[in-house]
Amino acid sequence: MRKIVIALNALLVVVLMSCKEDATSKINNSNLEAAGQRDEAAKLLPVMAFEKVEHDFGSIIQNTPQETVFKFTNTGDAPLIITDAKSTCGCTIPKYSKGAIAPGESGELLVQFNGSGSNVVTKVVTVSANTEKGTEQLRIKAFITPKDGAPVGPLKQS
């Protein structure tokens, strides 16, 4: 029994001595700096600051095309990239410039509306970009009157 205890103690001393190597000596400082820079860059995000998020065309005649421009500025710390812009229906078409918008620079998003519908009409345009939220929503609205001037159906409240 005594031989077993002595053998286990000797084995324990050998194991503990073999783990004596300093783990911090294996750290590569250039990798640490690169990881720090990568983490800091990941915190930098673009921000879309719109001059307006809603446009009211007012009262328009049915099927009369309308358009408006939504101007924005990248107030963030990284280049802004718009990946998509979609409307809630085919009667509203958003157009945007492709490419990156640097911090501090401005851009425009053109929204065309064909004037279809009747009474109060509200449409939403969803802009997808590399911002923290990922999407921004813009609205257009109008009161549509028929070409002959007669009201179309019951009035809708929005």
C-alpha atoms as a PDB file:
ATOM      1  CA  MET A   1       0.000   0.000   0.000  1.00  0.00           C
ATOM      2  CA  ARG A   2       2.847   2.332   0.869  1.00  0.00           C
ATOM      3  CA  LYS A   3       4.405   1.729  -2.563  1.00  0.00           C
ATOM      4  CA  ILE A   4       1.141   2.740  -4.252  1.00  0.00           C
ATOM      5  CA  VAL A   5       0.954   6.046  -2.310  1.00  0.00           C
ATOM      6  CA  ILE A   6       4.589   6.830  -3.136  1.00  0.00           C
ATOM      7  CA  ALA A   7       4.024   5.983  -6.824  1.00  0.00           C
ATOM      8  CA  LEU A   8       0.896   8.206  -6.994  1.00  0.00           C
ATOM      9  CA  ASN A   9       2.745  11.113  -5.337  1.00  0.00           C
ATOM     10  CA  ALA A  10       5.618  10.740  -7.787  1.00  0.00           C
ATOM     11  CA  LEU A  11       3.175  10.681 -10.684  1.00  0.00           C
ATOM     12  CA  LEU A  12       1.427  13.799  -9.331  1.00  0.00           C
ATOM     13  CA  VAL A  13       4.754  15.662  -9.073  1.00  0.00           C
ATOM     14  CA  VAL A  14       5.606  14.732 -12.688  1.00  0.00           C
ATOM     15  CA  VAL A  15       2.195  15.908 -13.938  1.00  0.00           C
ATOM     16  CA  LEU A  16       2.370  19.209 -12.058  1.00  0.00           C
ATOM     17  CA  MET A  17       5.924  19.878 -13.266  1.00  0.00           C
ATOM     18  CA  SER A  18       4.983  19.251 -16.905  1.00  0.00           C
ATOM     19  CA  CYS A  19       2.206  21.945 -16.726  1.00  0.00           C
ATOM     20  CA  LYS A  20       4.671  24.577 -15.576  1.00  0.00           C
ATOM     21  CA  GLU A  21       4.853  26.159 -19.062  1.00  0.00           C
ATOM     22  CA  ASP A  22       3.749  29.839 -19.178  1.00  0.00           C
ATOM     23  CA  ALA A  23       0.590  30.134 -21.340  1.00  0.00           C
ATOM     24  CA  THR A  24       0.973  33.900 -21.768  1.00  0.00           C
ATOM     25  CA  SER A  25       4.200  33.358 -23.681  1.00  0.00           C
ATOM     26  CA  LYS A  26       2.171  31.739 -26.458  1.00  0.00           C
ATOM     27  CA  ILE A  27       0.069  34.888 -27.098  1.00  0.00           C
ATOM     28  CA  ASN A  28       0.972  36.694 -30.313  1.00  0.00           C
ATOM     29  CA  ASN A  29       0.657  40.459 -29.695  1.00  0.00           C
ATOM     30  CA  SER A  30       0.005  41.266 -33.355  1.00  0.00           C
ATOM     31  CA  ASN A  31      -3.018  38.932 -33.274  1.00  0.00           C
ATOM     32  CA  LEU A  32      -4.253  40.722 -30.156  1.00  0.00           C
ATOM     33  CA  GLU A  33      -3.964  44.122 -31.858  1.00  0.00           C
ATOM     34  CA  ALA A  34      -5.722  42.877 -35.003  1.00  0.00           C
ATOM     35  CA  ALA A  35      -8.569  41.423 -32.934  1.00  0.00           C
ATOM     36  CA  GLY A  36      -8.935  44.700 -31.046  1.00  0.00           C
ATOM     37  CA  GLN A  37      -9.101  46.698 -34.277  1.00  0.00           C
ATOM     38  CA  ARG A  38     -11.651  44.256 -35.713  1.00  0.00           C
ATOM     39  CA  ASP A  39     -13.821  44.575 -32.600  1.00  0.00           C
ATOM     40  CA  GLU A  40     -13.655  48.381 -32.700  1.00  0.00           C
ATOM     41  CA  ALA A  41     -14.556  48.404 -36.422  1.00  0.00           C
ATOM     42  CA  ALA A  42     -17.576  46.187 -35.718  1.00  0.00           C
ATOM     43  CA  LYS A  43     -18.918  48.871 -33.359  1.00  0.00           C
ATOM     44  CA  LEU A  44     -18.869  51.498 -36.144  1.00  0.00           C
ATOM     45  CA  LEU A  45     -22.229  51.613 -37.909  1.00  0.00           C
ATOM     46  CA  PRO A  46     -23.865  53.923 -40.433  1.00  0.00           C
ATOM     47  CA  VAL A  47     -26.974  55.895 -39.457  1.00  0.00           C
ATOM     48  CA  MET A  48     -29.618  57.089 -41.938  1.00  0.00           C
ATOM     49  CA  ALA A  49     -30.907  60.501 -40.829  1.00  0.00           C
ATOM     50  CA  PHE A  50     -33.846  61.509 -43.056  1.00  0.00           C
ATOM     51  CA  GLU A  51     -34.977  65.102 -43.515  1.00  0.00           C
ATOM     52  CA  LYS A  52     -38.545  63.744 -43.489  1.00  0.00           C
ATOM     53  CA  VAL A  53     -40.018  60.241 -43.111  1.00  0.00           C
ATOM     54  CA  GLU A  54     -43.496  61.076 -44.407  1.00  0.00           C
ATOM     55  CA  HIS A  55     -44.742  62.996 -47.440  1.00  0.00           C
ATOM     56  CA  ASP A  56     -48.325  64.118 -48.023  1.00  0.00           C
ATOM     57  CA  PHE A  57     -49.203  64.727 -51.673  1.00  0.00           C
ATOM     58  CA  GLY A  58     -52.424  66.384 -50.543  1.00  0.00           C
ATOM     59  CA  SER A  59     -55.472  66.066 -52.790  1.00  0.00           C
ATOM     60  CA  ILE A  60     -54.656  64.611 -56.218  1.00  0.00           C
ATOM     61  CA  ILE A  61     -56.715  63.491 -59.195  1.00  0.00           C
ATOM     62  CA  GLN A  62     -56.997  59.731 -59.613  1.00  0.00           C
ATOM     63  CA  ASN A  63     -54.282  58.089 -61.777  1.00  0.00           C
ATOM     64  CA  THR A  64     -52.140  61.238 -61.833  1.00  0.00           C
ATOM     65  CA  PRO A  65     -48.510  60.174 -61.283  1.00  0.00           C
ATOM     66  CA  GLN A  66     -46.707  61.801 -58.356  1.00  0.00           C
ATOM     67  CA  GLU A  67     -43.181  61.621 -57.024  1.00  0.00           C
ATOM     68  CA  THR A  68     -41.200  62.862 -54.067  1.00  0.00           C
ATOM     69  CA  VAL A  69     -37.614  62.685 -52.907  1.00  0.00           C
ATOM     70  CA  PHE A  70     -36.587  61.590 -49.419  1.00  0.00           C
ATOM     71  CA  LYS A  71     -33.172  63.110 -48.627  1.00  0.00           C
ATOM     72  CA  PHE A  72     -30.938  61.553 -45.979  1.00  0.00           C
ATOM     73  CA  THR A  73     -27.463  61.912 -44.527  1.00  0.00           C
ATOM     74  CA  ASN A  74     -25.170  59.201 -43.194  1.00  0.00           C
ATOM     75  CA  THR A  75     -24.554  60.517 -39.669  1.00  0.00           C
ATOM     76  CA  GLY A  76     -22.837  57.301 -38.574  1.00  0.00           C
ATOM     77  CA  ASP A  77     -19.204  56.226 -38.473  1.00  0.00           C
ATOM     78  CA  ALA A  78     -19.138  53.707 -41.340  1.00  0.00           C
ATOM     79  CA  PRO A  79     -20.112  53.660 -45.032  1.00  0.00           C
ATOM     80  CA  LEU A  80     -23.861  53.270 -45.608  1.00  0.00           C
ATOM     81  CA  ILE A  81     -25.034  50.688 -48.133  1.00  0.00           C
ATOM     82  CA  ILE A  82     -28.688  50.481 -49.152  1.00  0.00           C
ATOM     83  CA  THR A  83     -29.422  46.891 -50.129  1.00  0.00           C
ATOM     84  CA  ASP A  84     -33.100  47.188 -51.039  1.00  0.00           C
ATOM     85  CA  ALA A  85     -36.159  49.444 -51.043  1.00  0.00           C
ATOM     86  CA  LYS A  86     -39.654  47.974 -51.334  1.00  0.00           C
ATOM     87  CA  SER A  87     -43.180  49.306 -51.196  1.00  0.00           C
ATOM     88  CA  THR A  88     -46.349  47.776 -49.809  1.00  0.00           C
ATOM     89  CA  CYS A  89     -47.787  47.603 -53.353  1.00  0.00           C
ATOM     90  CA  GLY A  90     -46.854  47.880 -57.021  1.00  0.00           C
ATOM     91  CA  CYS A  91     -48.372  51.364 -57.343  1.00  0.00           C
ATOM     92  CA  THR A  92     -45.409  52.849 -55.454  1.00  0.00           C
ATOM     93  CA  ILE A  93     -41.874  52.478 -56.824  1.00  0.00           C
ATOM     94  CA  PRO A  94     -38.811  53.482 -54.782  1.00  0.00           C
ATOM     95  CA  LYS A  95     -35.523  54.188 -56.590  1.00  0.00           C
ATOM     96  CA  TYR A  96     -32.200  54.585 -54.826  1.00  0.00           C
ATOM     97  CA  SER A  97     -28.577  54.989 -55.821  1.00  0.00           C
ATOM     98  CA  LYS A  98     -26.353  51.947 -55.549  1.00  0.00           C
ATOM     99  CA  GLY A  99     -22.988  52.113 -53.841  1.00  0.00           C
ATOM    100  CA  ALA A 100     -21.643  53.218 -50.486  1.00  0.00           C
ATOM    101  CA  ILE A 101     -22.401  56.582 -48.922  1.00  0.00           C
ATOM    102  CA  ALA A 102     -19.507  57.711 -46.746  1.00  0.00           C
ATOM    103  CA  PRO A 103     -20.041  59.148 -43.250  1.00  0.00           C
ATOM    104  CA  GLY A 104     -21.187  62.759 -43.512  1.00  0.00           C
ATOM    105  CA  GLU A 105     -22.357  62.411 -47.121  1.00  0.00           C
ATOM    106  CA  SER A 106     -25.961  62.655 -48.293  1.00  0.00           C
ATOM    107  CA  GLY A 107     -28.154  60.638 -50.629  1.00  0.00           C
ATOM    108  CA  GLU A 108     -31.650  60.583 -52.051  1.00  0.00           C
ATOM    109  CA  LEU A 109     -34.424  58.059 -52.446  1.00  0.00           C
ATOM    110  CA  LEU A 110     -36.982  58.819 -55.167  1.00  0.00           C
ATOM    111  CA  VAL A 111     -40.502  57.477 -54.603  1.00  0.00           C
ATOM    112  CA  GLN A 112     -42.936  57.386 -57.526  1.00  0.00           C
ATOM    113  CA  PHE A 113     -46.663  56.875 -56.940  1.00  0.00           C
ATOM    114  CA  ASN A 114     -49.080  56.233 -59.839  1.00  0.00           C
ATOM    115  CA  GLY A 115     -52.045  57.908 -58.150  1.00  0.00           C
ATOM    116  CA  SER A 116     -54.259  54.836 -58.056  1.00  0.00           C
ATOM    117  CA  GLY A 117     -56.811  54.180 -55.356  1.00  0.00           C
ATOM    118  CA  SER A 118     -59.536  56.306 -53.900  1.00  0.00           C
ATOM    119  CA  ASN A 119     -60.055  58.596 -50.940  1.00  0.00           C
ATOM    120  CA  VAL A 120     -57.264  58.451 -48.334  1.00  0.00           C
ATOM    121  CA  VAL A 121     -54.313  56.326 -49.450  1.00  0.00           C
ATOM    122  CA  THR A 122     -51.206  55.598 -47.371  1.00  0.00           C
ATOM    123  CA  LYS A 123     -48.232  53.586 -48.645  1.00  0.00           C
ATOM    124  CA  VAL A 124     -45.113  52.449 -46.789  1.00  0.00           C
ATOM    125  CA  VAL A 125     -41.638  52.143 -48.309  1.00  0.00           C
ATOM    126  CA  THR A 126     -39.199  49.933 -46.396  1.00  0.00           C
ATOM    127  CA  VAL A 127     -35.512  50.700 -46.941  1.00  0.00           C
ATOM    128  CA  SER A 128     -33.053  47.915 -46.071  1.00  0.00           C
ATOM    129  CA  ALA A 129     -29.518  49.014 -45.229  1.00  0.00           C
ATOM    130  CA  ASN A 130     -26.528  48.081 -43.103  1.00  0.00           C
ATOM    131  CA  THR A 131     -27.692  50.222 -40.171  1.00  0.00           C
ATOM    132  CA  GLU A 132     -28.131  48.966 -36.612  1.00  0.00           C
ATOM    133  CA  LYS A 133     -31.914  48.565 -37.087  1.00  0.00           C
ATOM    134  CA  GLY A 134     -31.494  47.109 -40.580  1.00  0.00           C
ATOM    135  CA  THR A 135     -34.604  48.811 -42.000  1.00  0.00           C
ATOM    136  CA  GLU A 136     -36.105  52.286 -42.132  1.00  0.00           C
ATOM    137  CA  GLN A 137     -39.728  53.051 -43.012  1.00  0.00           C
ATOM    138  CA  LEU A 138     -40.971  55.980 -45.071  1.00  0.00           C
ATOM    139  CA  ARG A 139     -44.619  56.879 -45.742  1.00  0.00           C
ATOM    140  CA  ILE A 140     -46.472  58.643 -48.505  1.00  0.00           C
ATOM    141  CA  LYS A 141     -50.111  59.603 -48.370  1.00  0.00           C
ATOM    142  CA  ALA A 142     -52.645  61.351 -50.557  1.00  0.00           C
ATOM    143  CA  PHE A 143     -56.351  62.037 -50.871  1.00  0.00           C
ATOM    144  CA  ILE A 144     -57.423  60.699 -54.286  1.00  0.00           C
ATOM    145  CA  THR A 145     -60.368  62.291 -56.079  1.00  0.00           C
ATOM    146  CA  PRO A 146     -61.832  60.855 -59.293  1.00  0.00           C
ATOM    147  CA  LYS A 147     -61.208  62.598 -62.616  1.00  0.00           C
ATOM    148  CA  ASP A 148     -64.805  63.823 -62.808  1.00  0.00           C
ATOM    149  CA  GLY A 149     -64.612  65.317 -59.303  1.00  0.00           C
ATOM    150  CA  ALA A 150     -67.317  63.089 -57.776  1.00  0.00           C
ATOM    151  CA  PRO A 151     -66.386  61.334 -54.527  1.00  0.00           C
ATOM    152  CA  VAL A 152     -65.409  57.691 -54.853  1.00  0.00           C
ATOM    153  CA  GLY A 153     -67.144  55.414 -52.351  1.00  0.00           C
ATOM    154  CA  PRO A 154     -67.288  56.054 -48.599  1.00  0.00           C
ATOM    155  CA  LEU A 155     -64.478  58.091 -47.043  1.00  0.00           C
ATOM    156  CA  LYS A 156     -61.795  56.034 -45.330  1.00  0.00           C
ATOM    157  CA  GLN A 157     -60.127  57.265 -42.166  1.00  0.00           C
ATOM    158  CA  SER A 158     -56.478  56.387 -41.610  1.00  0.00           C
END
